[in-house]
Amino acid sequence: MMMDNAGLANRAINRILELSADAQTERRGTVKGSPEFHNLAGAITAYGKALALLATIREQEEFYEMIRELDLLVSVSEGVH
């Protein structure tokens, strides 16, 4: 289950990175201060916030997976002694 979630998060992160890069490229071709420039700047900011959120979620999932693995190791080690 964890691998499925991590794979999904990674795909979402990669897609947002692509969208952000496209928006940044497009923004370079617009007139600074124009409505289109500001719309693209807002989109780039939103992509950054989404990336931060997804990265945090992925880190938490990885942390909890490590805790589960350690708990399993402790359980196995206690059963051996």
N, C-alpha and C. Protein backbone atom coordinates (compact mmCIF):
# COMPACT_ATOMS: atom_id res chain seq x y z
N MET A 1 0.83 -1.18 0.00
CA MET A 1 0.00 0.00 0.00
C MET A 1 0.88 1.26 0.00
N MET A 2 1.93 1.27 0.81
CA MET A 2 2.80 2.43 0.90
C MET A 2 3.43 2.73 -0.46
N MET A 3 3.88 1.69 -1.16
CA MET A 3 4.53 1.89 -2.44
C MET A 3 3.56 2.51 -3.45
N ASP A 4 2.31 2.08 -3.41
CA ASP A 4 1.31 2.65 -4.32
C ASP A 4 1.13 4.13 -4.05
N ASN A 5 1.03 4.50 -2.78
CA ASN A 5 0.86 5.91 -2.41
C ASN A 5 2.08 6.73 -2.79
N ALA A 6 3.26 6.19 -2.55
CA ALA A 6 4.49 6.90 -2.88
C ALA A 6 4.60 7.09 -4.38
N GLY A 7 4.25 6.08 -5.14
CA GLY A 7 4.28 6.18 -6.59
C GLY A 7 3.31 7.23 -7.09
N LEU A 8 2.14 7.26 -6.51
CA LEU A 8 1.13 8.25 -6.89
C LEU A 8 1.61 9.66 -6.54
N ALA A 9 2.16 9.82 -5.36
CA ALA A 9 2.68 11.13 -4.94
C ALA A 9 3.81 11.57 -5.86
N ASN A 10 4.69 10.66 -6.22
CA ASN A 10 5.79 11.00 -7.11
C ASN A 10 5.30 11.41 -8.49
N ARG A 11 4.29 10.71 -8.99
CA ARG A 11 3.72 11.08 -10.30
C ARG A 11 3.08 12.46 -10.23
N ALA A 12 2.37 12.74 -9.14
CA ALA A 12 1.74 14.05 -8.98
C ALA A 12 2.80 15.14 -8.88
N ILE A 13 3.85 14.88 -8.13
CA ILE A 13 4.94 15.85 -7.99
C ILE A 13 5.58 16.12 -9.35
N ASN A 14 5.85 15.06 -10.09
CA ASN A 14 6.47 15.24 -11.42
C ASN A 14 5.57 16.04 -12.35
N ARG A 15 4.28 15.77 -12.31
CA ARG A 15 3.34 16.50 -13.18
C ARG A 15 3.28 17.97 -12.80
N ILE A 16 3.25 18.26 -11.51
CA ILE A 16 3.21 19.66 -11.06
C ILE A 16 4.51 20.37 -11.45
N LEU A 17 5.64 19.67 -11.36
CA LEU A 17 6.90 20.27 -11.80
C LEU A 17 6.85 20.62 -13.28
N GLU A 18 6.28 19.74 -14.09
CA GLU A 18 6.14 20.01 -15.52
C GLU A 18 5.26 21.23 -15.77
N LEU A 19 4.12 21.28 -15.08
CA LEU A 19 3.21 22.41 -15.25
C LEU A 19 3.85 23.72 -14.82
N SER A 20 4.59 23.67 -13.71
CA SER A 20 5.26 24.86 -13.22
C SER A 20 6.32 25.33 -14.20
N ALA A 21 7.09 24.41 -14.74
CA ALA A 21 8.12 24.77 -15.72
C ALA A 21 7.49 25.39 -16.96
N ASP A 22 6.38 24.80 -17.42
CA ASP A 22 5.67 25.36 -18.59
C ASP A 22 5.19 26.78 -18.30
N ALA A 23 4.63 26.98 -17.11
CA ALA A 23 4.12 28.31 -16.75
C ALA A 23 5.26 29.32 -16.66
N GLN A 24 6.40 28.89 -16.14
CA GLN A 24 7.55 29.80 -16.03
C GLN A 24 8.06 30.18 -17.41
N THR A 25 8.11 29.20 -18.31
CA THR A 25 8.55 29.47 -19.67
C THR A 25 7.58 30.43 -20.36
N GLU A 26 6.30 30.18 -20.19
CA GLU A 26 5.28 31.04 -20.81
C GLU A 26 5.33 32.46 -20.23
N ARG A 27 5.56 32.55 -18.92
CA ARG A 27 5.62 33.86 -18.28
C ARG A 27 6.76 34.70 -18.82
N ARG A 28 7.88 34.05 -19.15
CA ARG A 28 9.03 34.79 -19.71
C ARG A 28 8.67 35.47 -21.02
N GLY A 29 7.69 34.92 -21.74
CA GLY A 29 7.29 35.49 -23.02
C GLY A 29 6.17 36.51 -22.92
N THR A 30 5.77 36.87 -21.73
CA THR A 30 4.68 37.83 -21.57
C THR A 30 5.24 39.18 -21.10
N VAL A 31 4.43 40.19 -21.25
CA VAL A 31 4.81 41.53 -20.81
C VAL A 31 4.74 41.60 -19.29
N LYS A 32 5.85 42.00 -18.69
CA LYS A 32 5.89 42.10 -17.23
C LYS A 32 4.85 43.11 -16.76
N GLY A 33 4.08 42.70 -15.77
CA GLY A 33 3.04 43.56 -15.22
C GLY A 33 1.69 43.39 -15.89
N SER A 34 1.63 42.64 -16.97
CA SER A 34 0.35 42.43 -17.65
C SER A 34 -0.51 41.46 -16.85
N PRO A 35 -1.82 41.44 -17.11
CA PRO A 35 -2.69 40.49 -16.40
C PRO A 35 -2.24 39.02 -16.61
N GLU A 36 -1.82 38.71 -17.83
CA GLU A 36 -1.36 37.34 -18.10
C GLU A 36 -0.12 37.00 -17.27
N PHE A 37 0.80 37.96 -17.16
CA PHE A 37 2.00 37.78 -16.35
C PHE A 37 1.61 37.47 -14.90
N HIS A 38 0.68 38.26 -14.36
CA HIS A 38 0.26 38.06 -12.97
C HIS A 38 -0.51 36.75 -12.79
N ASN A 39 -1.31 36.37 -13.77
CA ASN A 39 -2.01 35.08 -13.69
C ASN A 39 -1.02 33.92 -13.67
N LEU A 40 -0.01 34.00 -14.53
CA LEU A 40 1.00 32.94 -14.55
C LEU A 40 1.83 32.93 -13.26
N ALA A 41 2.14 34.11 -12.74
CA ALA A 41 2.88 34.19 -11.47
C ALA A 41 2.06 33.55 -10.35
N GLY A 42 0.76 33.80 -10.36
CA GLY A 42 -0.11 33.18 -9.35
C GLY A 42 -0.15 31.67 -9.50
N ALA A 43 -0.19 31.19 -10.74
CA ALA A 43 -0.20 29.75 -10.98
C ALA A 43 1.11 29.12 -10.50
N ILE A 44 2.21 29.79 -10.77
CA ILE A 44 3.52 29.27 -10.35
C ILE A 44 3.59 29.20 -8.82
N THR A 45 3.07 30.21 -8.17
CA THR A 45 3.03 30.21 -6.70
C THR A 45 2.17 29.05 -6.19
N ALA A 46 1.03 28.84 -6.82
CA ALA A 46 0.14 27.74 -6.41
C ALA A 46 0.82 26.38 -6.63
N TYR A 47 1.53 26.24 -7.74
CA TYR A 47 2.26 24.99 -7.98
C TYR A 47 3.30 24.76 -6.89
N GLY A 48 3.98 25.82 -6.49
CA GLY A 48 4.98 25.71 -5.42
C GLY A 48 4.36 25.26 -4.11
N LYS A 49 3.20 25.81 -3.79
CA LYS A 49 2.52 25.41 -2.55
C LYS A 49 2.06 23.96 -2.62
N ALA A 50 1.56 23.55 -3.77
CA ALA A 50 1.12 22.16 -3.94
C ALA A 50 2.31 21.21 -3.82
N LEU A 51 3.45 21.60 -4.40
CA LEU A 51 4.65 20.77 -4.29
C LEU A 51 5.11 20.64 -2.85
N ALA A 52 5.08 21.74 -2.12
CA ALA A 52 5.49 21.70 -0.71
C ALA A 52 4.58 20.76 0.08
N LEU A 53 3.29 20.83 -0.17
CA LEU A 53 2.34 19.96 0.52
C LEU A 53 2.57 18.50 0.18
N LEU A 54 2.71 18.19 -1.10
CA LEU A 54 2.93 16.80 -1.51
C LEU A 54 4.26 16.26 -0.99
N ALA A 55 5.28 17.09 -0.99
CA ALA A 55 6.58 16.65 -0.46
C ALA A 55 6.48 16.35 1.03
N THR A 56 5.76 17.17 1.76
CA THR A 56 5.57 16.94 3.20
C THR A 56 4.80 15.65 3.44
N ILE A 57 3.75 15.45 2.67
CA ILE A 57 2.96 14.21 2.81
C ILE A 57 3.82 13.00 2.51
N ARG A 58 4.62 13.08 1.43
CA ARG A 58 5.48 11.96 1.07
C ARG A 58 6.50 11.68 2.17
N GLU A 59 7.09 12.72 2.75
CA GLU A 59 8.06 12.55 3.83
C GLU A 59 7.40 11.90 5.05
N GLN A 60 6.19 12.33 5.37
CA GLN A 60 5.48 11.74 6.50
C GLN A 60 5.17 10.27 6.25
N GLU A 61 4.75 9.95 5.03
CA GLU A 61 4.48 8.55 4.71
C GLU A 61 5.75 7.71 4.84
N GLU A 62 6.87 8.25 4.36
CA GLU A 62 8.14 7.52 4.46
C GLU A 62 8.53 7.35 5.92
N PHE A 63 8.32 8.38 6.73
CA PHE A 63 8.63 8.30 8.16
C PHE A 63 7.79 7.23 8.83
N TYR A 64 6.47 7.24 8.58
CA TYR A 64 5.60 6.25 9.20
C TYR A 64 5.91 4.83 8.72
N GLU A 65 6.33 4.70 7.48
CA GLU A 65 6.73 3.38 6.97
C GLU A 65 7.97 2.89 7.72
N MET A 66 8.92 3.79 7.98
CA MET A 66 10.12 3.41 8.73
C MET A 66 9.74 2.97 10.15
N ILE A 67 8.82 3.69 10.77
CA ILE A 67 8.36 3.35 12.12
C ILE A 67 7.72 1.96 12.11
N ARG A 68 6.88 1.70 11.10
CA ARG A 68 6.25 0.38 11.00
C ARG A 68 7.29 -0.73 10.84
N GLU A 69 8.30 -0.47 10.01
CA GLU A 69 9.35 -1.46 9.81
C GLU A 69 10.14 -1.69 11.10
N LEU A 70 10.46 -0.62 11.81
CA LEU A 70 11.18 -0.76 13.07
C LEU A 70 10.35 -1.50 14.10
N ASP A 71 9.06 -1.21 14.14
CA ASP A 71 8.17 -1.90 15.07
C ASP A 71 8.12 -3.39 14.75
N LEU A 72 8.10 -3.71 13.46
CA LEU A 72 8.12 -5.12 13.04
C LEU A 72 9.42 -5.78 13.45
N LEU A 73 10.54 -5.06 13.27
CA LEU A 73 11.83 -5.62 13.67
C LEU A 73 11.90 -5.85 15.17
N VAL A 74 11.37 -4.93 15.95
CA VAL A 74 11.35 -5.08 17.40
C VAL A 74 10.49 -6.27 17.77
N SER A 75 9.34 -6.43 17.15
CA SER A 75 8.45 -7.55 17.44
C SER A 75 9.12 -8.87 17.12
N VAL A 76 9.80 -8.94 15.98
CA VAL A 76 10.49 -10.18 15.59
C VAL A 76 11.62 -10.45 16.54
N SER A 77 12.39 -9.41 16.92
CA SER A 77 13.51 -9.60 17.82
C SER A 77 13.05 -10.02 19.20
N GLU A 78 11.92 -9.50 19.67
CA GLU A 78 11.41 -9.90 20.97
C GLU A 78 10.92 -11.34 20.94
N GLY A 79 10.42 -11.78 19.81
CA GLY A 79 9.94 -13.16 19.69
C GLY A 79 11.10 -14.15 19.65
N VAL A 80 12.27 -13.72 19.23
CA VAL A 80 13.44 -14.60 19.15
C VAL A 80 14.03 -14.83 20.54
N HIS A 81 13.99 -13.83 21.39
CA HIS A 81 14.62 -13.94 22.71
C HIS A 81 13.77 -14.69 23.64
